[in-house]
Amino acid sequence: MDGDRSTMMACLGIESTAHTFGASVVTGDGKILSDVRSTYRPPPGSGIHPREASRHHAAKAPELVASALSSASLRVDEVDCVAYSAGPGLGPALRVGAVVARALAAYYSKPLVPVHHAIGHLELGRLLTGASRPVSLLVSGGHTMVLLPRRSRWRVFGETLDVTVGQLLDQLGRYMGLPSPAGPEIESLAGGGSRLLDLPYVIRGNDLSFSGMLTAAKRYIASGARREDVAFSVQETAFAMLCEVSERALAFSGSGELMVVGGVAANSRLRAMLESVARRQGARLELVPPRYSGDCGAQIAWTGILHYSHGLSVDPRASRVIQRWRLDEVTLPWIDR
């Protein structure tokens, strides 16, 4: 596919891996023409129920897809391809997005492009920041990884051995009776904390473990510790672990860029700590705008464009979702060195 044609393309992207259903239209030259979303909110103190999330997505999908197309001033028959989040994620939620994308692609005879959700975060991050070959910290409810783009893959430098940092914050928030996703609430509580409590700091090689920290934090709450101090201590300790592994990756790789993506990337304290890391290593900190740090259709639409412009699409009848899917298993021909 020639370069002029690829820049003129438009892709409709559909995201539905967990609590958010999103739809977006992005062009081949990286313009986000529209991005709309709706988030399923379980009762305070509860986590995501996959069936209820899927019901939310099914109810919101028609109006969100219509809104994304309308805001982009396009009809479905005018887009070049339809992309969807094929995984990883919650099965019932993933299937809603896949069914919507499959139906549109089949009815309008459009190429259908499956996208790995986490690669969507990374590639949208590179688009929005202009980063080329960054050390990338991916921090969300589904992933905690430090990565480098090398030889047609995102290569894992380090990752969580148990719960992700997003799950750490969400499960702590749930224990406190906070709404889910709880990251913003934990950040707000941490702003009122002043006492640094002793919590497990576990790094094995370049991998991290947060489950012991979660258990210890719950014990502090049960023993009557101030919630503000617990939230403050969890953020300081968990983020220090992320900074240590990220700084090691910067020093090892010689990259002059440190990019942070994923829902937890919106946390202002994490951003400030990573700024210090980048400064010490003489690197630029590349921050995705908070609006696009969390799950959204734009990450799927843009990565769909990249895949499609390199010849990848599937027959709608052969499309599927993959609940467990490592991102370093996916070949990415646009990462060529």
Protein backbone atom coordinates (compact mmCIF):
# COMPACT_ATOMS: atom_id res chain seq x y z
CA MET A 1 0.00 0.00 0.00
CA ASP A 2 1.58 3.31 -1.06
CA GLY A 3 2.27 6.13 1.39
CA ASP A 4 -0.17 8.61 -0.14
CA ARG A 5 -3.00 6.13 0.11
CA SER A 6 -2.18 5.19 3.71
CA THR A 7 -2.30 8.82 4.89
CA MET A 8 -5.75 9.23 3.34
CA MET A 9 -7.17 6.17 5.11
CA ALA A 10 -9.65 6.31 7.95
CA CYS A 11 -10.25 3.55 10.47
CA LEU A 12 -13.15 3.05 12.86
CA GLY A 13 -11.77 1.57 16.08
CA ILE A 14 -13.81 -0.15 18.79
CA GLU A 15 -12.50 -0.75 22.32
CA SER A 16 -14.30 -3.02 24.82
CA THR A 17 -11.75 -4.97 26.86
CA ALA A 18 -12.99 -4.12 30.37
CA HIS A 19 -15.05 -1.31 31.89
CA THR A 20 -14.95 1.07 28.91
CA PHE A 21 -16.67 0.91 25.54
CA GLY A 22 -15.06 3.35 23.14
CA ALA A 23 -15.34 4.23 19.47
CA SER A 24 -13.02 6.45 17.45
CA VAL A 25 -12.12 7.41 13.91
CA VAL A 26 -8.45 8.02 13.16
CA THR A 27 -6.82 8.82 9.82
CA GLY A 28 -3.67 7.38 8.30
CA ASP A 29 -1.71 10.55 9.05
CA GLY A 30 -2.57 10.27 12.74
CA LYS A 31 -5.45 12.72 13.09
CA ILE A 32 -8.01 11.69 15.72
CA LEU A 33 -11.25 12.80 14.10
CA SER A 34 -13.43 11.56 16.96
CA ASP A 35 -13.15 9.65 20.23
CA VAL A 36 -16.16 8.86 22.40
CA ARG A 37 -16.57 6.43 25.27
CA SER A 38 -18.72 5.31 28.17
CA THR A 39 -17.51 3.55 31.32
CA TYR A 40 -19.38 0.91 33.30
CA ARG A 41 -19.41 1.91 36.98
CA PRO A 42 -20.08 -0.89 39.48
CA PRO A 43 -21.39 -0.03 42.94
CA PRO A 44 -18.76 1.41 45.34
CA GLY A 45 -16.72 -1.36 46.92
CA SER A 46 -17.37 -3.73 44.00
CA GLY A 47 -15.18 -4.75 41.08
CA ILE A 48 -16.07 -5.16 37.44
CA HIS A 49 -18.68 -7.86 36.84
CA PRO A 50 -17.98 -9.14 33.31
CA ARG A 51 -21.65 -9.83 32.51
CA GLU A 52 -22.79 -6.41 33.72
CA ALA A 53 -19.97 -4.70 31.85
CA SER A 54 -20.98 -6.52 28.66
CA ARG A 55 -24.59 -5.42 29.13
CA HIS A 56 -23.43 -1.83 29.53
CA HIS A 57 -21.36 -2.10 26.36
CA ALA A 58 -24.18 -3.65 24.34
CA ALA A 59 -26.55 -0.88 25.42
CA LYS A 60 -24.09 1.93 24.65
CA ALA A 61 -22.50 0.60 21.47
CA PRO A 62 -25.03 1.85 18.87
CA GLU A 63 -25.06 5.46 20.05
CA LEU A 64 -21.29 5.61 20.57
CA VAL A 65 -20.44 4.21 17.15
CA ALA A 66 -22.95 6.57 15.55
CA SER A 67 -21.52 9.49 17.51
CA ALA A 68 -17.93 8.66 16.54
CA LEU A 69 -18.84 8.55 12.85
CA SER A 70 -20.97 11.69 13.05
CA SER A 71 -18.24 13.65 14.84
CA ALA A 72 -15.78 12.55 12.15
CA SER A 73 -18.26 13.61 9.41
CA LEU A 74 -18.07 10.13 7.89
CA ARG A 75 -20.45 7.27 7.15
CA VAL A 76 -19.49 3.65 7.80
CA ASP A 77 -19.19 3.01 4.07
CA GLU A 78 -16.58 5.80 3.88
CA VAL A 79 -14.08 4.33 6.34
CA ASP A 80 -11.37 2.06 4.94
CA CYS A 81 -11.33 -0.54 7.70
CA VAL A 82 -12.85 -1.47 11.04
CA ALA A 83 -10.60 -2.43 13.96
CA TYR A 84 -11.53 -3.97 17.30
CA SER A 85 -9.80 -4.89 20.55
CA ALA A 86 -9.35 -8.65 20.19
CA GLY A 87 -7.78 -9.07 23.63
CA PRO A 88 -6.61 -9.50 26.23
CA GLY A 89 -9.53 -8.70 28.50
CA LEU A 90 -12.84 -9.86 29.93
CA GLY A 91 -14.49 -12.38 27.61
CA PRO A 92 -18.07 -11.06 27.69
CA ALA A 93 -16.91 -7.45 27.26
CA LEU A 94 -14.50 -8.32 24.43
CA ARG A 95 -17.22 -10.22 22.57
CA VAL A 96 -19.53 -7.20 22.46
CA GLY A 97 -16.93 -5.08 20.67
CA ALA A 98 -15.98 -7.96 18.38
CA VAL A 99 -19.59 -8.59 17.39
CA VAL A 100 -20.21 -4.91 16.64
CA ALA A 101 -17.02 -4.65 14.55
CA ARG A 102 -17.67 -7.95 12.78
CA ALA A 103 -21.23 -6.95 11.88
CA LEU A 104 -20.15 -3.57 10.47
CA ALA A 105 -17.25 -5.06 8.52
CA ALA A 106 -19.39 -7.84 7.05
CA TYR A 107 -22.39 -5.68 6.16
CA TYR A 108 -20.36 -2.89 4.57
CA SER A 109 -17.67 -5.19 3.07
CA LYS A 110 -14.87 -3.53 5.02
CA PRO A 111 -11.57 -5.14 6.08
CA LEU A 112 -11.64 -6.23 9.72
CA VAL A 113 -8.48 -5.72 11.82
CA PRO A 114 -7.94 -7.37 15.24
CA VAL A 115 -5.78 -5.30 17.61
CA HIS A 116 -3.96 -6.20 20.81
CA HIS A 117 -5.27 -3.77 23.43
CA ALA A 118 -1.90 -3.09 25.10
CA ILE A 119 -0.10 -2.53 21.81
CA GLY A 120 -2.83 0.02 21.17
CA HIS A 121 -1.74 1.93 24.29
CA LEU A 122 1.90 1.84 23.20
CA GLU A 123 1.38 2.84 19.59
CA LEU A 124 -1.09 5.61 20.39
CA GLY A 125 1.48 6.83 22.91
CA ARG A 126 4.16 6.99 20.23
CA LEU A 127 1.78 8.83 17.91
CA LEU A 128 0.76 11.46 20.47
CA THR A 129 4.20 12.06 21.98
CA GLY A 130 6.31 11.72 18.85
CA ALA A 131 8.54 9.21 20.66
CA SER A 132 10.55 7.00 18.31
CA ARG A 133 12.13 4.10 20.20
CA PRO A 134 11.32 4.79 23.85
CA VAL A 135 11.68 2.78 26.98
CA SER A 136 7.98 2.45 27.71
CA LEU A 137 6.27 1.98 31.05
CA LEU A 138 2.83 0.44 30.52
CA VAL A 139 0.77 0.75 33.70
CA SER A 140 -2.91 -0.17 33.75
CA GLY A 141 -5.42 -2.55 35.26
CA GLY A 142 -4.37 -5.27 32.85
CA HIS A 143 -0.64 -4.66 32.43
CA THR A 144 2.44 -3.53 34.29
CA MET A 145 5.47 -3.79 32.01
CA VAL A 146 8.64 -1.98 31.01
CA LEU A 147 9.19 -2.45 27.28
CA LEU A 148 11.49 -1.62 24.38
CA PRO A 149 10.54 -1.71 20.67
CA ARG A 150 13.07 -3.98 18.95
CA ARG A 151 13.05 -6.25 15.88
CA SER A 152 9.34 -6.34 15.03
CA ARG A 153 8.14 -6.71 18.63
CA TRP A 154 7.63 -4.79 21.84
CA ARG A 155 10.21 -6.59 24.00
CA VAL A 156 9.59 -7.01 27.73
CA PHE A 157 12.38 -5.71 29.96
CA GLY A 158 10.43 -6.30 33.19
CA GLU A 159 6.86 -6.99 34.32
CA THR A 160 4.65 -7.79 37.27
CA LEU A 161 4.84 -11.29 38.68
CA ASP A 162 1.32 -11.18 40.16
CA VAL A 163 -1.16 -8.28 40.30
CA THR A 164 -0.69 -5.19 38.15
CA VAL A 165 -0.25 -1.75 39.68
CA GLY A 166 -3.75 -0.89 38.42
CA GLN A 167 -5.16 -3.93 40.20
CA LEU A 168 -3.24 -2.96 43.33
CA LEU A 169 -4.97 0.45 43.38
CA ASP A 170 -8.38 -0.92 42.38
CA GLN A 171 -8.36 -3.74 44.93
CA LEU A 172 -7.20 -1.41 47.68
CA GLY A 173 -9.95 1.02 46.72
CA ARG A 174 -12.52 -1.76 46.72
CA TYR A 175 -11.41 -2.76 50.23
CA MET A 176 -11.95 0.85 51.29
CA GLY A 177 -15.40 0.92 49.69
CA LEU A 178 -14.38 3.34 46.93
CA PRO A 179 -15.86 3.47 43.41
CA SER A 180 -14.16 1.50 40.66
CA PRO A 181 -11.85 2.22 38.89
CA ALA A 182 -10.29 3.52 42.10
CA GLY A 183 -7.02 5.06 40.88
CA PRO A 184 -8.23 8.69 40.96
CA GLU A 185 -9.76 8.19 44.43
CA ILE A 186 -6.53 6.67 45.78
CA GLU A 187 -4.55 9.57 44.30
CA SER A 188 -6.87 12.06 45.98
CA LEU A 189 -6.57 10.28 49.35
CA ALA A 190 -2.80 10.10 49.02
CA GLY A 191 -2.68 13.87 48.74
CA GLY A 192 -3.83 14.04 52.36
CA GLY A 193 -1.31 11.49 53.63
CA SER A 194 1.90 12.36 55.48
CA ARG A 195 3.15 9.21 57.20
CA LEU A 196 5.14 6.68 55.14
CA LEU A 197 4.18 3.22 56.35
CA ASP A 198 6.47 0.24 55.97
CA LEU A 199 5.32 -1.83 52.97
CA PRO A 200 6.97 -4.69 51.03
CA TYR A 201 9.26 -3.45 48.24
CA VAL A 202 9.73 -6.46 45.99
CA ILE A 203 11.79 -6.42 42.79
CA ARG A 204 13.25 -9.66 41.43
CA GLY A 205 15.69 -8.87 38.66
CA ASN A 206 13.62 -6.48 36.58
CA ASP A 207 10.26 -7.93 37.59
CA LEU A 208 7.95 -6.58 40.28
CA SER A 209 5.54 -8.05 42.81
CA PHE A 210 2.68 -6.07 44.34
CA SER A 211 0.55 -8.75 46.05
CA GLY A 212 2.43 -8.52 49.37
CA MET A 213 2.02 -4.76 49.37
CA LEU A 214 -1.73 -5.13 48.87
CA THR A 215 -2.02 -7.57 51.78
CA ALA A 216 0.03 -5.32 54.08
CA ALA A 217 -2.00 -2.25 53.10
CA LYS A 218 -5.26 -4.02 53.94
CA ARG A 219 -3.84 -5.01 57.33
CA TYR A 220 -2.95 -1.39 58.07
CA ILE A 221 -6.52 -0.33 57.29
CA ALA A 222 -7.96 -3.13 59.43
CA SER A 223 -5.73 -2.03 62.33
CA GLY A 224 -7.06 1.54 62.16
CA ALA A 225 -4.39 3.36 60.15
CA ARG A 226 -5.51 6.53 58.38
CA ARG A 227 -6.69 5.75 54.87
CA GLU A 228 -4.82 8.80 53.62
CA ASP A 229 -1.52 7.46 55.01
CA VAL A 230 -2.15 4.02 53.53
CA ALA A 231 -2.92 5.47 50.10
CA PHE A 232 0.12 7.76 50.32
CA SER A 233 2.41 4.87 51.32
CA VAL A 234 1.10 2.55 48.60
CA GLN A 235 1.63 5.17 45.91
CA GLU A 236 5.12 6.12 47.11
CA THR A 237 6.30 2.52 47.43
CA ALA A 238 4.71 1.10 44.27
CA PHE A 239 5.76 4.05 42.13
CA ALA A 240 9.33 3.91 43.48
CA MET A 241 9.48 0.29 42.30
CA LEU A 242 8.25 1.31 38.85
CA CYS A 243 10.83 4.09 38.73
CA GLU A 244 13.70 1.78 39.68
CA VAL A 245 12.96 -0.69 36.89
CA SER A 246 12.32 2.08 34.36
CA GLU A 247 15.61 3.80 35.23
CA ARG A 248 17.50 0.54 34.87
CA ALA A 249 15.95 0.04 31.43
CA LEU A 250 16.97 3.55 30.39
CA ALA A 251 20.54 2.99 31.52
CA PHE A 252 20.72 -0.43 29.87
CA SER A 253 19.21 0.59 26.54
CA GLY A 254 20.77 4.01 26.09
CA SER A 255 17.40 5.31 24.93
CA GLY A 256 16.87 9.02 25.32
CA GLU A 257 13.10 8.64 25.71
CA LEU A 258 10.94 7.39 28.57
CA MET A 259 7.27 7.04 27.66
CA VAL A 260 4.48 6.19 30.10
CA VAL A 261 1.08 4.90 28.94
CA GLY A 262 -1.98 3.16 30.40
CA GLY A 263 -4.64 4.30 32.84
CA VAL A 264 -2.25 4.77 35.78
CA ALA A 265 -0.17 7.10 33.58
CA ALA A 266 -2.67 9.84 34.43
CA ASN A 267 -1.47 9.86 38.06
CA SER A 268 0.31 13.15 38.70
CA ARG A 269 2.59 11.74 41.43
CA LEU A 270 3.84 8.96 39.14
CA ARG A 271 4.51 11.52 36.43
CA ALA A 272 6.53 13.68 38.81
CA MET A 273 8.63 10.73 39.99
CA LEU A 274 9.32 9.60 36.43
CA GLU A 275 10.35 13.15 35.52
CA SER A 276 13.14 12.83 38.07
CA VAL A 277 14.17 9.47 36.59
CA ALA A 278 14.32 10.90 33.07
CA ARG A 279 16.30 13.93 34.24
CA ARG A 280 18.93 11.77 35.96
CA GLN A 281 19.37 9.70 32.80
CA GLY A 282 19.40 12.65 30.42
CA ALA A 283 16.21 11.42 28.74
CA ARG A 284 12.96 13.08 27.72
CA LEU A 285 9.82 12.04 29.57
CA GLU A 286 7.08 11.50 27.00
CA LEU A 287 3.63 11.80 28.59
CA VAL A 288 0.39 10.89 26.85
CA PRO A 289 -2.36 13.46 27.48
CA PRO A 290 -4.48 12.19 30.42
CA ARG A 291 -7.54 11.89 28.17
CA TYR A 292 -5.78 9.23 26.11
CA SER A 293 -3.88 7.42 28.87
CA GLY A 294 -6.86 5.21 29.69
CA ASP A 295 -8.80 2.82 27.44
CA CYS A 296 -10.20 4.44 24.31
CA GLY A 297 -11.21 3.71 20.75
CA ALA A 298 -8.37 5.87 19.40
CA GLN A 299 -5.72 3.35 20.48
CA ILE A 300 -7.53 0.64 18.52
CA ALA A 301 -8.21 2.79 15.46
CA TRP A 302 -4.60 4.00 15.14
CA THR A 303 -3.09 0.55 15.66
CA GLY A 304 -5.66 -0.81 13.23
CA ILE A 305 -4.34 1.68 10.66
CA LEU A 306 -0.76 0.47 11.26
CA HIS A 307 -1.73 -3.18 10.87
CA TYR A 308 -3.92 -2.62 7.81
CA SER A 309 -1.33 -0.48 6.04
CA HIS A 310 1.05 -3.44 6.42
CA GLY A 311 -1.42 -5.90 4.93
CA LEU A 312 -3.15 -7.34 7.99
CA SER A 313 -6.88 -7.96 8.07
CA VAL A 314 -9.06 -11.01 8.71
CA ASP A 315 -12.24 -12.46 7.29
CA PRO A 316 -15.08 -11.47 9.67
CA ARG A 317 -16.15 -15.11 9.80
CA ALA A 318 -12.72 -16.09 11.13
CA SER A 319 -12.43 -13.30 13.71
CA ARG A 320 -12.12 -14.12 17.40
CA VAL A 321 -11.22 -12.72 20.80
CA ILE A 322 -8.31 -13.84 22.97
CA GLN A 323 -8.77 -13.33 26.71
CA ARG A 324 -5.13 -14.13 27.52
CA TRP A 325 -2.68 -12.77 24.97
CA ARG A 326 0.89 -11.60 25.59
CA LEU A 327 1.84 -8.50 23.68
CA ASP A 328 5.37 -9.75 22.96
CA GLU A 329 3.83 -12.56 20.90
CA VAL A 330 2.56 -10.11 18.28
CA THR A 331 4.71 -9.40 15.23
CA LEU A 332 4.72 -5.71 14.26
CA PRO A 333 6.30 -5.12 10.85
CA TRP A 334 6.56 -1.35 11.37
CA ILE A 335 9.12 -1.92 14.16
CA ASP A 336 11.99 -2.82 11.85
CA ARG A 337 15.19 -2.70 13.89
